[in-house]
Structures are given as C-alpha cells and as structure tokens.
Amino acid sequence: MDIDPFTMQHKSHKNIFGLGQCTNIHSHGTSSTFLGILAQAEVVSNNTWKLLTGAEGGLSNYDGWNASPILVDTHNSIVGEWK
C-alpha cells in the first residue's frame, strides 16, 4: 500500500490509512515490529478520527519510533529502541 510515511494516509485515496507490513513504510528505513506498529496504530487512530469528525488541526505524524526485545538469556530480555 502506497502511504505517506508520516501520516500513514494513502497517497491517492485520502480516506484510506495503513500500517505495518502491508505498506511501503519499509522503503523509508522503518521496520515493522509489534511495538512499532502500536506507535503507527496511534497515528492511524488519531488521523482517522480527525478525518471522520472534521476536527481542526493537522494530521498526526509517525516519527519512525520502533522497538524490539533482545533476549539476553533464557529468562531475561531488554528492549532496544530506535527512530
């Protein structure tokens, strides 16, 4: 799906939004981990609400934030974050 990598809105059909692996967001240096998609979902939710209600103000933007757990042994992990 050809979306704007910041608003997550389809470039040709303004009433369509996308997130995750069904989009072209990978070509903008962003991977789609579970935590990254949660951040994208917040942007899509806000922008869908603004579109449906005609709310004032610009659309929300996804800043590329992503995170992924890193296993350090069989019982422990840490979370790596990046933009």
Protein backbone atom coordinates (compact mmCIF):
# COMPACT_ATOMS: atom_id res chain seq x y z
CA MET A 1 0.00 0.00 0.00
CA ASP A 2 1.42 3.36 -1.03
CA ILE A 3 1.11 5.53 2.09
CA ASP A 4 2.64 8.74 3.35
CA PRO A 5 5.28 7.51 5.87
CA PHE A 6 4.36 10.24 8.36
CA THR A 7 0.54 10.44 8.32
CA MET A 8 0.07 6.76 7.33
CA GLN A 9 -2.57 8.01 4.87
CA HIS A 10 -2.84 6.53 1.36
CA LYS A 11 -1.30 8.90 -1.18
CA SER A 12 -4.17 8.65 -3.68
CA HIS A 13 -7.19 7.74 -1.55
CA LYS A 14 -7.37 10.13 1.41
CA ASN A 15 -9.95 8.04 3.29
CA ILE A 16 -7.62 5.00 3.50
CA PHE A 17 -4.89 4.53 6.10
CA GLY A 18 -2.44 1.66 6.52
CA LEU A 19 0.16 0.38 8.92
CA GLY A 20 2.65 -2.43 9.26
CA GLN A 21 3.84 -4.81 6.60
CA CYS A 22 1.04 -4.13 4.09
CA THR A 23 2.53 -0.68 3.44
CA ASN A 24 5.58 0.81 1.76
CA ILE A 25 6.91 2.11 5.09
CA HIS A 26 9.89 -0.28 4.91
CA SER A 27 11.29 1.71 2.00
CA HIS A 28 11.64 4.67 4.39
CA GLY A 29 14.04 2.86 6.72
CA THR A 30 11.42 1.72 9.22
CA SER A 31 10.88 -1.89 10.17
CA SER A 32 7.55 -3.09 11.50
CA THR A 33 7.91 -4.72 14.87
CA PHE A 34 4.95 -5.20 17.20
CA LEU A 35 5.89 -2.13 19.24
CA GLY A 36 6.48 -0.06 16.11
CA ILE A 37 3.05 -0.99 14.79
CA LEU A 38 1.50 0.09 18.12
CA ALA A 39 3.02 3.54 17.56
CA GLN A 40 1.72 3.56 13.97
CA ALA A 41 -1.75 2.49 15.19
CA GLU A 42 -1.96 5.55 17.45
CA VAL A 43 -1.26 7.81 14.46
CA VAL A 44 -3.80 5.98 12.27
CA SER A 45 -6.42 6.17 15.04
CA ASN A 46 -5.90 9.91 15.56
CA ASN A 47 -5.91 10.68 11.84
CA THR A 48 -8.98 8.54 11.14
CA TRP A 49 -10.83 10.34 13.93
CA LYS A 50 -9.82 13.74 12.53
CA LEU A 51 -10.96 12.74 9.03
CA LEU A 52 -14.31 11.33 10.21
CA THR A 53 -15.19 14.22 12.55
CA GLY A 54 -13.68 17.08 10.55
CA ALA A 55 -11.63 18.06 13.60
CA GLU A 56 -9.42 21.14 13.35
CA GLY A 57 -5.66 20.92 13.11
CA GLY A 58 -3.25 18.96 11.00
CA LEU A 59 -2.86 15.22 10.90
CA SER A 60 -0.70 13.39 13.46
CA ASN A 61 2.71 12.18 12.28
CA TYR A 62 4.56 8.92 12.86
CA ASP A 63 8.15 9.71 13.80
CA GLY A 64 9.62 6.31 12.95
CA TRP A 65 9.88 5.13 16.58
CA ASN A 66 10.38 1.41 16.86
CA ALA A 67 11.45 -1.08 19.50
CA SER A 68 12.27 -4.74 19.72
CA PRO A 69 13.01 -7.12 22.59
CA ILE A 70 16.54 -8.52 22.69
CA LEU A 71 16.95 -11.82 24.54
CA VAL A 72 19.99 -11.82 26.80
CA ASP A 73 19.49 -15.31 28.27
CA THR A 74 16.70 -17.84 28.72
CA HIS A 75 14.80 -15.74 31.30
CA ASN A 76 15.73 -12.11 30.60
CA SER A 77 15.44 -9.59 27.82
CA ILE A 78 15.97 -5.91 27.21
CA VAL A 79 14.16 -3.61 24.80
CA GLY A 80 16.10 -1.78 22.13
CA GLU A 81 14.53 1.43 20.85
CA TRP A 82 15.32 3.45 17.73
CA LYS A 83 13.97 6.02 15.27
